[in-house]
Amino acid sequence: MSKALLKFVRVSPNKARLIAREVQGMNAELALASLEFMPNKAAGIISKVIASAVANGDFEPEEVVITSCRVDKAAVMKRWRPRARGTASRILKPTAHILVEVAEPTNEEQTTKKGA
């Protein structure tokens, strides 16, 4: 099993979790191919983290399965925007930590692959 962690990436955790749920349990090669055609910003970021996790374990993408793809909330950058009558509105710019774990599939996972 190998893993990759990307910290403080400038994407909303809620939006990134939608993509992370889609690829969890998939073959890494199939996940990378499907993420390439998704229009979301988080899809490109998660794709790079999956590729990094595969490379960290010296695997090929076709021989591993994504066992865990987790998106955690990180620090929130706080900015402000001027508004009427000299007041200010708050702008919250969320960041996220993305953790991907890949492992070679067991016999049960090979028979019931997600997306196959």
PDB file of N, CA and C in Angstrom:
ATOM      1  N   MET A   1       0.836  -1.174   0.000  1.00  0.00           N
ATOM      2  CA  MET A   1       0.000   0.000   0.000  1.00  0.00           C
ATOM      3  C   MET A   1       0.881   1.236   0.000  1.00  0.00           C
ATOM      4  N   SER A   2       0.504   2.206  -0.800  1.00  0.00           N
ATOM      5  CA  SER A   2       1.216   3.479  -0.807  1.00  0.00           C
ATOM      6  C   SER A   2       0.197   4.603  -0.768  1.00  0.00           C
ATOM      7  N   LYS A   3       0.664   5.767  -0.334  1.00  0.00           N
ATOM      8  CA  LYS A   3      -0.262   6.892  -0.226  1.00  0.00           C
ATOM      9  C   LYS A   3       0.419   8.187  -0.606  1.00  0.00           C
ATOM     10  N   ALA A   4      -0.408   9.187  -0.888  1.00  0.00           N
ATOM     11  CA  ALA A   4       0.071  10.532  -1.207  1.00  0.00           C
ATOM     12  C   ALA A   4      -0.857  11.525  -0.514  1.00  0.00           C
ATOM     13  N   LEU A   5      -0.272  12.603  -0.025  1.00  0.00           N
ATOM     14  CA  LEU A   5      -1.025  13.620   0.704  1.00  0.00           C
ATOM     15  C   LEU A   5      -0.696  14.989   0.129  1.00  0.00           C
ATOM     16  N   LEU A   6      -1.722  15.713  -0.260  1.00  0.00           N
ATOM     17  CA  LEU A   6      -1.566  17.077  -0.757  1.00  0.00           C
ATOM     18  C   LEU A   6      -2.245  17.982   0.248  1.00  0.00           C
ATOM     19  N   LYS A   7      -1.480  18.915   0.824  1.00  0.00           N
ATOM     20  CA  LYS A   7      -2.018  19.758   1.887  1.00  0.00           C
ATOM     21  C   LYS A   7      -2.206  21.194   1.410  1.00  0.00           C
ATOM     22  N   PHE A   8      -3.211  21.836   1.984  1.00  0.00           N
ATOM     23  CA  PHE A   8      -3.524  23.253   1.774  1.00  0.00           C
ATOM     24  C   PHE A   8      -3.749  23.593   0.309  1.00  0.00           C
ATOM     25  N   VAL A   9      -4.469  22.734  -0.403  1.00  0.00           N
ATOM     26  CA  VAL A   9      -4.794  23.016  -1.800  1.00  0.00           C
ATOM     27  C   VAL A   9      -6.020  23.929  -1.818  1.00  0.00           C
ATOM     28  N   ARG A  10      -6.026  24.899  -2.737  1.00  0.00           N
ATOM     29  CA  ARG A  10      -7.047  25.944  -2.764  1.00  0.00           C
ATOM     30  C   ARG A  10      -8.291  25.468  -3.518  1.00  0.00           C
ATOM     31  N   VAL A  11      -9.008  24.546  -2.913  1.00  0.00           N
ATOM     32  CA  VAL A  11     -10.266  24.060  -3.464  1.00  0.00           C
ATOM     33  C   VAL A  11     -11.197  23.776  -2.289  1.00  0.00           C
ATOM     34  N   SER A  12     -12.476  23.973  -2.494  1.00  0.00           N
ATOM     35  CA  SER A  12     -13.443  23.734  -1.433  1.00  0.00           C
ATOM     36  C   SER A  12     -13.519  22.243  -1.114  1.00  0.00           C
ATOM     37  N   PRO A  13     -13.459  21.874   0.165  1.00  0.00           N
ATOM     38  CA  PRO A  13     -13.519  20.448   0.512  1.00  0.00           C
ATOM     39  C   PRO A  13     -14.833  19.792   0.082  1.00  0.00           C
ATOM     40  N   ASN A  14     -15.939  20.524   0.162  1.00  0.00           N
ATOM     41  CA  ASN A  14     -17.226  19.949  -0.229  1.00  0.00           C
ATOM     42  C   ASN A  14     -17.243  19.595  -1.712  1.00  0.00           C
ATOM     43  N   LYS A  15     -16.689  20.454  -2.549  1.00  0.00           N
ATOM     44  CA  LYS A  15     -16.655  20.191  -3.987  1.00  0.00           C
ATOM     45  C   LYS A  15     -15.676  19.073  -4.318  1.00  0.00           C
ATOM     46  N   ALA A  16     -14.570  19.001  -3.587  1.00  0.00           N
ATOM     47  CA  ALA A  16     -13.588  17.954  -3.845  1.00  0.00           C
ATOM     48  C   ALA A  16     -14.089  16.590  -3.377  1.00  0.00           C
ATOM     49  N   ARG A  17     -14.919  16.557  -2.330  1.00  0.00           N
ATOM     50  CA  ARG A  17     -15.444  15.282  -1.840  1.00  0.00           C
ATOM     51  C   ARG A  17     -16.355  14.619  -2.861  1.00  0.00           C
ATOM     52  N   LEU A  18     -17.066  15.413  -3.650  1.00  0.00           N
ATOM     53  CA  LEU A  18     -17.927  14.844  -4.684  1.00  0.00           C
ATOM     54  C   LEU A  18     -17.113  14.037  -5.691  1.00  0.00           C
ATOM     55  N   ILE A  19     -15.949  14.550  -6.044  1.00  0.00           N
ATOM     56  CA  ILE A  19     -15.073  13.851  -6.985  1.00  0.00           C
ATOM     57  C   ILE A  19     -14.402  12.660  -6.306  1.00  0.00           C
ATOM     58  N   ALA A  20     -14.004  12.827  -5.046  1.00  0.00           N
ATOM     59  CA  ALA A  20     -13.310  11.754  -4.327  1.00  0.00           C
ATOM     60  C   ALA A  20     -14.199  10.527  -4.158  1.00  0.00           C
ATOM     61  N   ARG A  21     -15.494  10.740  -3.940  1.00  0.00           N
ATOM     62  CA  ARG A  21     -16.415   9.609  -3.791  1.00  0.00           C
ATOM     63  C   ARG A  21     -16.570   8.833  -5.094  1.00  0.00           C
ATOM     64  N   GLU A  22     -16.442   9.525  -6.217  1.00  0.00           N
ATOM     65  CA  GLU A  22     -16.593   8.869  -7.512  1.00  0.00           C
ATOM     66  C   GLU A  22     -15.459   7.879  -7.788  1.00  0.00           C
ATOM     67  N   VAL A  23     -14.237   8.222  -7.387  1.00  0.00           N
ATOM     68  CA  VAL A  23     -13.085   7.393  -7.749  1.00  0.00           C
ATOM     69  C   VAL A  23     -12.720   6.362  -6.693  1.00  0.00           C
ATOM     70  N   GLN A  24     -13.295   6.448  -5.516  1.00  0.00           N
ATOM     71  CA  GLN A  24     -12.929   5.521  -4.453  1.00  0.00           C
ATOM     72  C   GLN A  24     -13.344   4.098  -4.813  1.00  0.00           C
ATOM     73  N   GLY A  25     -12.406   3.175  -4.733  1.00  0.00           N
ATOM     74  CA  GLY A  25     -12.662   1.784  -5.067  1.00  0.00           C
ATOM     75  C   GLY A  25     -12.396   1.437  -6.517  1.00  0.00           C
ATOM     76  N   MET A  26     -12.104   2.418  -7.343  1.00  0.00           N
ATOM     77  CA  MET A  26     -11.847   2.176  -8.763  1.00  0.00           C
ATOM     78  C   MET A  26     -10.408   1.731  -8.997  1.00  0.00           C
ATOM     79  N   ASN A  27     -10.187   1.130 -10.141  1.00  0.00           N
ATOM     80  CA  ASN A  27      -8.836   0.870 -10.620  1.00  0.00           C
ATOM     81  C   ASN A  27      -8.183   2.221 -10.892  1.00  0.00           C
ATOM     82  N   ALA A  28      -6.908   2.388 -10.581  1.00  0.00           N
ATOM     83  CA  ALA A  28      -6.240   3.680 -10.718  1.00  0.00           C
ATOM     84  C   ALA A  28      -6.200   4.152 -12.168  1.00  0.00           C
ATOM     85  N   GLU A  29      -6.001   3.240 -13.095  1.00  0.00           N
ATOM     86  CA  GLU A  29      -5.950   3.623 -14.509  1.00  0.00           C
ATOM     87  C   GLU A  29      -7.314   4.126 -14.991  1.00  0.00           C
ATOM     88  N   LEU A  30      -8.371   3.454 -14.586  1.00  0.00           N
ATOM     89  CA  LEU A  30      -9.723   3.867 -14.946  1.00  0.00           C
ATOM     90  C   LEU A  30     -10.089   5.200 -14.289  1.00  0.00           C
ATOM     91  N   ALA A  31      -9.668   5.385 -13.052  1.00  0.00           N
ATOM     92  CA  ALA A  31      -9.939   6.642 -12.344  1.00  0.00           C
ATOM     93  C   ALA A  31      -9.228   7.813 -13.012  1.00  0.00           C
ATOM     94  N   LEU A  32      -7.963   7.627 -13.391  1.00  0.00           N
ATOM     95  CA  LEU A  32      -7.223   8.702 -14.063  1.00  0.00           C
ATOM     96  C   LEU A  32      -7.856   9.055 -15.407  1.00  0.00           C
ATOM     97  N   ALA A  33      -8.342   8.042 -16.124  1.00  0.00           N
ATOM     98  CA  ALA A  33      -8.975   8.293 -17.417  1.00  0.00           C
ATOM     99  C   ALA A  33     -10.292   9.041 -17.254  1.00  0.00           C
ATOM    100  N   SER A  34     -11.074   8.691 -16.245  1.00  0.00           N
ATOM    101  CA  SER A  34     -12.361   9.357 -16.056  1.00  0.00           C
ATOM    102  C   SER A  34     -12.184  10.772 -15.505  1.00  0.00           C
ATOM    103  N   LEU A  35     -11.179  10.981 -14.670  1.00  0.00           N
ATOM    104  CA  LEU A  35     -10.938  12.320 -14.117  1.00  0.00           C
ATOM    105  C   LEU A  35     -10.458  13.298 -15.187  1.00  0.00           C
ATOM    106  N   GLU A  36      -9.819  12.782 -16.215  1.00  0.00           N
ATOM    107  CA  GLU A  36      -9.296  13.638 -17.277  1.00  0.00           C
ATOM    108  C   GLU A  36     -10.412  14.390 -17.999  1.00  0.00           C
ATOM    109  N   PHE A  37     -11.611  13.792 -18.051  1.00  0.00           N
ATOM    110  CA  PHE A  37     -12.711  14.396 -18.794  1.00  0.00           C
ATOM    111  C   PHE A  37     -13.736  15.089 -17.902  1.00  0.00           C
ATOM    112  N   MET A  38     -13.462  15.176 -16.615  1.00  0.00           N
ATOM    113  CA  MET A  38     -14.367  15.906 -15.721  1.00  0.00           C
ATOM    114  C   MET A  38     -14.009  17.388 -15.742  1.00  0.00           C
ATOM    115  N   PRO A  39     -15.007  18.274 -15.784  1.00  0.00           N
ATOM    116  CA  PRO A  39     -14.732  19.710 -15.904  1.00  0.00           C
ATOM    117  C   PRO A  39     -14.363  20.398 -14.595  1.00  0.00           C
ATOM    118  N   ASN A  40     -14.412  19.683 -13.476  1.00  0.00           N
ATOM    119  CA  ASN A  40     -14.180  20.303 -12.171  1.00  0.00           C
ATOM    120  C   ASN A  40     -12.708  20.592 -11.932  1.00  0.00           C
ATOM    121  N   LYS A  41     -12.442  21.640 -11.169  1.00  0.00           N
ATOM    122  CA  LYS A  41     -11.073  21.976 -10.774  1.00  0.00           C
ATOM    123  C   LYS A  41     -10.505  20.872  -9.887  1.00  0.00           C
ATOM    124  N   ALA A  42     -11.339  20.326  -9.000  1.00  0.00           N
ATOM    125  CA  ALA A  42     -10.889  19.295  -8.069  1.00  0.00           C
ATOM    126  C   ALA A  42     -10.490  18.012  -8.793  1.00  0.00           C
ATOM    127  N   ALA A  43     -11.070  17.753  -9.961  1.00  0.00           N
ATOM    128  CA  ALA A  43     -10.761  16.521 -10.693  1.00  0.00           C
ATOM    129  C   ALA A  43      -9.303  16.495 -11.133  1.00  0.00           C
ATOM    130  N   GLY A  44      -8.800  17.617 -11.619  1.00  0.00           N
ATOM    131  CA  GLY A  44      -7.398  17.678 -12.019  1.00  0.00           C
ATOM    132  C   GLY A  44      -6.450  17.534 -10.850  1.00  0.00           C
ATOM    133  N   ILE A  45      -6.831  18.114  -9.712  1.00  0.00           N
ATOM    134  CA  ILE A  45      -5.990  18.043  -8.514  1.00  0.00           C
ATOM    135  C   ILE A  45      -5.947  16.619  -7.978  1.00  0.00           C
ATOM    136  N   ILE A  46      -7.109  15.973  -7.880  1.00  0.00           N
ATOM    137  CA  ILE A  46      -7.166  14.600  -7.367  1.00  0.00           C
ATOM    138  C   ILE A  46      -6.454  13.648  -8.320  1.00  0.00           C
ATOM    139  N   SER A  47      -6.511  13.926  -9.605  1.00  0.00           N
ATOM    140  CA  SER A  47      -5.805  13.104 -10.585  1.00  0.00           C
ATOM    141  C   SER A  47      -4.302  13.115 -10.332  1.00  0.00           C
ATOM    142  N   LYS A  48      -3.763  14.282 -10.038  1.00  0.00           N
ATOM    143  CA  LYS A  48      -2.330  14.386  -9.760  1.00  0.00           C
ATOM    144  C   LYS A  48      -1.954  13.659  -8.475  1.00  0.00           C
ATOM    145  N   VAL A  49      -2.827  13.704  -7.466  1.00  0.00           N
ATOM    146  CA  VAL A  49      -2.538  13.021  -6.205  1.00  0.00           C
ATOM    147  C   VAL A  49      -2.585  11.506  -6.393  1.00  0.00           C
ATOM    148  N   ILE A  50      -3.521  11.026  -7.212  1.00  0.00           N
ATOM    149  CA  ILE A  50      -3.589   9.589  -7.499  1.00  0.00           C
ATOM    150  C   ILE A  50      -2.327   9.140  -8.233  1.00  0.00           C
ATOM    151  N   ALA A  51      -1.897   9.922  -9.212  1.00  0.00           N
ATOM    152  CA  ALA A  51      -0.673   9.584  -9.949  1.00  0.00           C
ATOM    153  C   ALA A  51       0.534   9.572  -9.016  1.00  0.00           C
ATOM    154  N   SER A  52       0.562  10.481  -8.059  1.00  0.00           N
ATOM    155  CA  SER A  52       1.658  10.529  -7.098  1.00  0.00           C
ATOM    156  C   SER A  52       1.643   9.313  -6.180  1.00  0.00           C
ATOM    157  N   ALA A  53       0.456   8.898  -5.722  1.00  0.00           N
ATOM    158  CA  ALA A  53       0.350   7.731  -4.844  1.00  0.00           C
ATOM    159  C   ALA A  53       0.796   6.466  -5.577  1.00  0.00           C
ATOM    160  N   VAL A  54       0.450   6.353  -6.858  1.00  0.00           N
ATOM    161  CA  VAL A  54       0.867   5.193  -7.654  1.00  0.00           C
ATOM    162  C   VAL A  54       2.388   5.197  -7.809  1.00  0.00           C
ATOM    163  N   ALA A  55       2.958   6.359  -8.077  1.00  0.00           N
ATOM    164  CA  ALA A  55       4.408   6.460  -8.253  1.00  0.00           C
ATOM    165  C   ALA A  55       5.153   6.226  -6.944  1.00  0.00           C
ATOM    166  N   ASN A  56       4.574   6.636  -5.814  1.00  0.00           N
ATOM    167  CA  ASN A  56       5.230   6.437  -4.523  1.00  0.00           C
ATOM    168  C   ASN A  56       5.417   4.958  -4.197  1.00  0.00           C
ATOM    169  N   GLY A  57       4.513   4.114  -4.684  1.00  0.00           N
ATOM    170  CA  GLY A  57       4.624   2.673  -4.421  1.00  0.00           C
ATOM    171  C   GLY A  57       5.331   1.905  -5.517  1.00  0.00           C
ATOM    172  N   ASP A  58       5.865   2.599  -6.522  1.00  0.00           N
ATOM    173  CA  ASP A  58       6.510   1.958  -7.669  1.00  0.00           C
ATOM    174  C   ASP A  58       5.572   0.968  -8.355  1.00  0.00           C
ATOM    175  N   PHE A  59       4.308   1.367  -8.510  1.00  0.00           N
ATOM    176  CA  PHE A  59       3.324   0.545  -9.192  1.00  0.00           C
ATOM    177  C   PHE A  59       3.063   1.099 -10.576  1.00  0.00           C
ATOM    178  N   GLU A  60       2.330   0.323 -11.362  1.00  0.00           N
ATOM    179  CA  GLU A  60       1.755   0.795 -12.618  1.00  0.00           C
ATOM    180  C   GLU A  60       0.278   1.064 -12.338  1.00  0.00           C
ATOM    181  N   PRO A  61      -0.333   2.070 -12.991  1.00  0.00           N
ATOM    182  CA  PRO A  61      -1.729   2.405 -12.679  1.00  0.00           C
ATOM    183  C   PRO A  61      -2.721   1.267 -12.907  1.00  0.00           C
ATOM    184  N   GLU A  62      -2.436   0.378 -13.861  1.00  0.00           N
ATOM    185  CA  GLU A  62      -3.394  -0.690 -14.134  1.00  0.00           C
ATOM    186  C   GLU A  62      -3.372  -1.812 -13.103  1.00  0.00           C
ATOM    187  N   GLU A  63      -2.376  -1.836 -12.214  1.00  0.00           N
ATOM    188  CA  GLU A  63      -2.282  -2.949 -11.264  1.00  0.00           C
ATOM    189  C   GLU A  63      -2.692  -2.586  -9.848  1.00  0.00           C
ATOM    190  N   VAL A  64      -3.195  -1.360  -9.609  1.00  0.00           N
ATOM    191  CA  VAL A  64      -3.597  -0.980  -8.258  1.00  0.00           C
ATOM    192  C   VAL A  64      -5.028  -0.445  -8.240  1.00  0.00           C
ATOM    193  N   VAL A  65      -5.606  -0.471  -7.043  1.00  0.00           N
ATOM    194  CA  VAL A  65      -6.958   0.005  -6.794  1.00  0.00           C
ATOM    195  C   VAL A  65      -6.884   1.123  -5.761  1.00  0.00           C
ATOM    196  N   ILE A  66      -7.714   2.135  -5.914  1.00  0.00           N
ATOM    197  CA  ILE A  66      -7.761   3.236  -4.935  1.00  0.00           C
ATOM    198  C   ILE A  66      -8.571   2.748  -3.744  1.00  0.00           C
ATOM    199  N   THR A  67      -7.892   2.469  -2.635  1.00  0.00           N
ATOM    200  CA  THR A  67      -8.580   1.963  -1.448  1.00  0.00           C
ATOM    201  C   THR A  67      -9.216   3.089  -0.652  1.00  0.00           C
ATOM    202  N   SER A  68      -8.595   4.264  -0.652  1.00  0.00           N
ATOM    203  CA  SER A  68      -9.137   5.383   0.116  1.00  0.00           C
ATOM    204  C   SER A  68      -8.798   6.688  -0.591  1.00  0.00           C
ATOM    205  N   CYS A  69      -9.789   7.554  -0.708  1.00  0.00           N
ATOM    206  CA  CYS A  69      -9.582   8.895  -1.238  1.00  0.00           C
ATOM    207  C   CYS A  69     -10.338   9.838  -0.305  1.00  0.00           C
ATOM    208  N   ARG A  70      -9.597  10.530   0.535  1.00  0.00           N
ATOM    209  CA  ARG A  70     -10.201  11.327   1.605  1.00  0.00           C
ATOM    210  C   ARG A  70      -9.883  12.792   1.412  1.00  0.00           C
ATOM    211  N   VAL A  71     -10.876  13.647   1.628  1.00  0.00           N
ATOM    212  CA  VAL A  71     -10.689  15.090   1.539  1.00  0.00           C
ATOM    213  C   VAL A  71     -11.064  15.691   2.892  1.00  0.00           C
ATOM    214  N   ASP A  72     -10.118  16.323   3.546  1.00  0.00           N
ATOM    215  CA  ASP A  72     -10.343  16.937   4.848  1.00  0.00           C
ATOM    216  C   ASP A  72     -10.302  18.449   4.736  1.00  0.00           C
ATOM    217  N   LYS A  73     -10.991  19.099   5.641  1.00  0.00           N
ATOM    218  CA  LYS A  73     -11.003  20.552   5.676  1.00  0.00           C
ATOM    219  C   LYS A  73      -9.693  21.067   6.253  1.00  0.00           C
ATOM    220  N   ALA A  74      -9.149  22.109   5.642  1.00  0.00           N
ATOM    221  CA  ALA A  74      -7.913  22.728   6.128  1.00  0.00           C
ATOM    222  C   ALA A  74      -8.239  24.161   6.572  1.00  0.00           C
ATOM    223  N   ALA A  75      -7.222  24.969   6.703  1.00  0.00           N
ATOM    224  CA  ALA A  75      -7.414  26.350   7.131  1.00  0.00           C
ATOM    225  C   ALA A  75      -8.231  27.129   6.108  1.00  0.00           C
ATOM    226  N   VAL A  76      -8.937  28.140   6.588  1.00  0.00           N
ATOM    227  CA  VAL A  76      -9.751  28.987   5.718  1.00  0.00           C
ATOM    228  C   VAL A  76      -9.110  30.365   5.659  1.00  0.00           C
ATOM    229  N   MET A  77      -8.809  30.816   4.434  1.00  0.00           N
ATOM    230  CA  MET A  77      -8.262  32.165   4.282  1.00  0.00           C
ATOM    231  C   MET A  77      -9.412  33.158   4.368  1.00  0.00           C
ATOM    232  N   LYS A  78      -9.235  34.191   5.178  1.00  0.00           N
ATOM    233  CA  LYS A  78     -10.293  35.176   5.366  1.00  0.00           C
ATOM    234  C   LYS A  78      -9.894  36.476   4.681  1.00  0.00           C
ATOM    235  N   ARG A  79     -10.745  36.926   3.776  1.00  0.00           N
ATOM    236  CA  ARG A  79     -10.525  38.173   3.052  1.00  0.00           C
ATOM    237  C   ARG A  79     -11.743  39.050   3.241  1.00  0.00           C
ATOM    238  N   TRP A  80     -11.673  40.288   2.775  1.00  0.00           N
ATOM    239  CA  TRP A  80     -12.841  41.165   2.883  1.00  0.00           C
ATOM    240  C   TRP A  80     -13.034  41.950   1.612  1.00  0.00           C
ATOM    241  N   ARG A  81     -14.308  42.350   1.404  1.00  0.00           N
ATOM    242  CA  ARG A  81     -14.704  43.110   0.232  1.00  0.00           C
ATOM    243  C   ARG A  81     -15.429  44.363   0.719  1.00  0.00           C
ATOM    244  N   PRO A  82     -15.056  45.532   0.204  1.00  0.00           N
ATOM    245  CA  PRO A  82     -15.744  46.753   0.621  1.00  0.00           C
ATOM    246  C   PRO A  82     -17.203  46.759   0.161  1.00  0.00           C
ATOM    247  N   ARG A  83     -18.074  47.264   1.031  1.00  0.00           N
ATOM    248  CA  ARG A  83     -19.500  47.336   0.722  1.00  0.00           C
ATOM    249  C   ARG A  83     -20.013  48.754   0.978  1.00  0.00           C
ATOM    250  N   ALA A  84     -21.287  48.909   0.882  1.00  0.00           N
ATOM    251  CA  ALA A  84     -21.895  50.236   0.988  1.00  0.00           C
ATOM    252  C   ALA A  84     -21.711  50.832   2.385  1.00  0.00           C
ATOM    253  N   ARG A  85     -21.665  52.162   2.430  1.00  0.00           N
ATOM    254  CA  ARG A  85     -21.586  52.940   3.672  1.00  0.00           C
ATOM    255  C   ARG A  85     -20.355  52.617   4.505  1.00  0.00           C
ATOM    256  N   GLY A  86     -19.269  52.290   3.876  1.00  0.00           N
ATOM    257  CA  GLY A  86     -18.012  52.067   4.598  1.00  0.00           C
ATOM    258  C   GLY A  86     -17.931  50.762   5.350  1.00  0.00           C
ATOM    259  N   THR A  87     -18.827  49.826   5.084  1.00  0.00           N
ATOM    260  CA  THR A  87     -18.764  48.535   5.763  1.00  0.00           C
ATOM    261  C   THR A  87     -17.971  47.541   4.905  1.00  0.00           C
ATOM    262  N   ALA A  88     -17.804  46.353   5.418  1.00  0.00           N
ATOM    263  CA  ALA A  88     -17.058  45.319   4.703  1.00  0.00           C
ATOM    264  C   ALA A  88     -17.778  43.987   4.841  1.00  0.00           C
ATOM    265  N   SER A  89     -17.678  43.163   3.801  1.00  0.00           N
ATOM    266  CA  SER A  89     -18.216  41.805   3.836  1.00  0.00           C
ATOM    267  C   SER A  89     -17.061  40.817   3.843  1.00  0.00           C
ATOM    268  N   ARG A  90     -17.283  39.738   4.515  1.00  0.00           N
ATOM    269  CA  ARG A  90     -16.253  38.726   4.640  1.00  0.00           C
ATOM    270  C   ARG A  90     -16.287  37.772   3.454  1.00  0.00           C
ATOM    271  N   ILE A  91     -15.121  37.388   2.977  1.00  0.00           N
ATOM    272  CA  ILE A  91     -14.996  36.367   1.941  1.00  0.00           C
ATOM    273  C   ILE A  91     -14.164  35.237   2.534  1.00  0.00           C
ATOM    274  N   LEU A  92     -14.712  34.036   2.517  1.00  0.00           N
ATOM    275  CA  LEU A  92     -14.007  32.865   3.042  1.00  0.00           C
ATOM    276  C   LEU A  92     -13.486  32.045   1.877  1.00  0.00           C
ATOM    277  N   LYS A  93     -12.187  31.797   1.866  1.00  0.00           N
ATOM    278  CA  LYS A  93     -11.567  31.006   0.808  1.00  0.00           C
ATOM    279  C   LYS A  93     -11.057  29.705   1.427  1.00  0.00           C
ATOM    280  N   PRO A  94     -11.834  28.633   1.285  1.00  0.00           N
ATOM    281  CA  PRO A  94     -11.475  27.378   1.947  1.00  0.00           C
ATOM    282  C   PRO A  94     -10.317  26.657   1.258  1.00  0.00           C
ATOM    283  N   THR A  95      -9.594  25.880   2.055  1.00  0.00           N
ATOM    284  CA  THR A  95      -8.536  25.021   1.531  1.00  0.00           C
ATOM    285  C   THR A  95      -8.794  23.593   2.020  1.00  0.00           C
ATOM    286  N   ALA A  96      -8.111  22.624   1.420  1.00  0.00           N
ATOM    287  CA  ALA A  96      -8.367  21.221   1.734  1.00  0.00           C
ATOM    288  C   ALA A  96      -7.073  20.426   1.767  1.00  0.00           C
ATOM    289  N   HIS A  97      -7.128  19.311   2.496  1.00  0.00           N
ATOM    290  CA  HIS A  97      -6.071  18.304   2.484  1.00  0.00           C
ATOM    291  C   HIS A  97      -6.636  17.084   1.754  1.00  0.00           C
ATOM    292  N   ILE A  98      -5.903  16.565   0.766  1.00  0.00           N
ATOM    293  CA  ILE A  98      -6.369  15.415  -0.007  1.00  0.00           C
ATOM    294  C   ILE A  98      -5.411  14.249   0.221  1.00  0.00           C
ATOM    295  N   LEU A  99      -5.950  13.114   0.705  1.00  0.00           N
ATOM    296  CA  LEU A  99      -5.172  11.911   0.979  1.00  0.00           C
ATOM    297  C   LEU A  99      -5.688  10.783   0.098  1.00  0.00           C
ATOM    298  N   VAL A 100      -4.778  10.157  -0.664  1.00  0.00           N
ATOM    299  CA  VAL A 100      -5.139   9.033  -1.531  1.00  0.00           C
ATOM    300  C   VAL A 100      -4.268   7.842  -1.159  1.00  0.00           C
ATOM    301  N   GLU A 101      -4.911   6.691  -0.956  1.00  0.00           N
ATOM    302  CA  GLU A 101      -4.197   5.452  -0.680  1.00  0.00           C
ATOM    303  C   GLU A 101      -4.519   4.451  -1.782  1.00  0.00           C
ATOM    304  N   VAL A 102      -3.481   3.825  -2.317  1.00  0.00           N
ATOM    305  CA  VAL A 102      -3.664   2.791  -3.339  1.00  0.00           C
ATOM    306  C   VAL A 102      -3.008   1.504  -2.859  1.00  0.00           C
ATOM    307  N   ALA A 103      -3.574   0.385  -3.302  1.00  0.00           N
ATOM    308  CA  ALA A 103      -3.028  -0.931  -2.941  1.00  0.00           C
ATOM    309  C   ALA A 103      -3.358  -1.914  -4.047  1.00  0.00           C
ATOM    310  N   GLU A 104      -2.603  -3.000  -4.057  1.00  0.00           N
ATOM    311  CA  GLU A 104      -2.886  -4.062  -5.021  1.00  0.00           C
ATOM    312  C   GLU A 104      -4.191  -4.740  -4.615  1.00  0.00           C
ATOM    313  N   PRO A 105      -5.041  -5.071  -5.587  1.00  0.00           N
ATOM    314  CA  PRO A 105      -6.357  -5.634  -5.243  1.00  0.00           C
ATOM    315  C   PRO A 105      -6.253  -7.051  -4.698  1.00  0.00           C
ATOM    316  N   THR A 106      -7.184  -7.368  -3.805  1.00  0.00           N
ATOM    317  CA  THR A 106      -7.295  -8.742  -3.315  1.00  0.00           C
ATOM    318  C   THR A 106      -8.220  -9.496  -4.259  1.00  0.00           C
ATOM    319  N   ASN A 107      -8.429 -10.787  -3.997  1.00  0.00           N
ATOM    320  CA  ASN A 107      -9.264 -11.605  -4.886  1.00  0.00           C
ATOM    321  C   ASN A 107     -10.718 -11.141  -4.901  1.00  0.00           C
ATOM    322  N   GLU A 108     -11.249 -10.687  -3.756  1.00  0.00           N
ATOM    323  CA  GLU A 108     -12.636 -10.228  -3.707  1.00  0.00           C
ATOM    324  C   GLU A 108     -12.815  -8.949  -4.517  1.00  0.00           C
ATOM    325  N   GLU A 109     -11.826  -8.043  -4.448  1.00  0.00           N
ATOM    326  CA  GLU A 109     -11.930  -6.774  -5.166  1.00  0.00           C
ATOM    327  C   GLU A 109     -11.812  -6.985  -6.674  1.00  0.00           C
ATOM    328  N   GLN A 110     -11.078  -7.992  -7.099  1.00  0.00           N
ATOM    329  CA  GLN A 110     -10.919  -8.231  -8.528  1.00  0.00           C
ATOM    330  C   GLN A 110     -12.234  -8.687  -9.153  1.00  0.00           C
ATOM    331  N   THR A 111     -13.037  -9.446  -8.407  1.00  0.00           N
ATOM    332  CA  THR A 111     -14.286  -9.940  -8.976  1.00  0.00           C
ATOM    333  C   THR A 111     -15.365  -8.859  -8.985  1.00  0.00           C
ATOM    334  N   THR A 112     -15.351  -7.946  -8.014  1.00  0.00           N
ATOM    335  CA  THR A 112     -16.381  -6.909  -7.946  1.00  0.00           C
ATOM    336  C   THR A 112     -15.725  -5.538  -8.058  1.00  0.00           C
ATOM    337  N   LYS A 113     -15.225  -5.214  -9.237  1.00  0.00           N
ATOM    338  CA  LYS A 113     -14.609  -3.908  -9.456  1.00  0.00           C
ATOM    339  C   LYS A 113     -15.686  -2.870  -9.691  1.00  0.00           C
ATOM    340  N   LYS A 114     -15.486  -1.704  -9.106  1.00  0.00           N
ATOM    341  CA  LYS A 114     -16.417  -0.593  -9.337  1.00  0.00           C
ATOM    342  C   LYS A 114     -16.085   0.023 -10.684  1.00  0.00           C
ATOM    343  N   GLY A 115     -17.093   0.282 -11.479  1.00  0.00           N
ATOM    344  CA  GLY A 115     -16.884   0.910 -12.769  1.00  0.00           C
ATOM    345  C   GLY A 115     -16.549  -0.072 -13.895  1.00  0.00           C
ATOM    346  N   ALA A 116     -16.497  -1.359 -13.608  1.00  0.00           N
ATOM    347  CA  ALA A 116     -16.170  -2.328 -14.661  1.00  0.00           C
ATOM    348  C   ALA A 116     -17.397  -3.086 -15.090  1.00  0.00           C
TER     349      ALA A 116
END
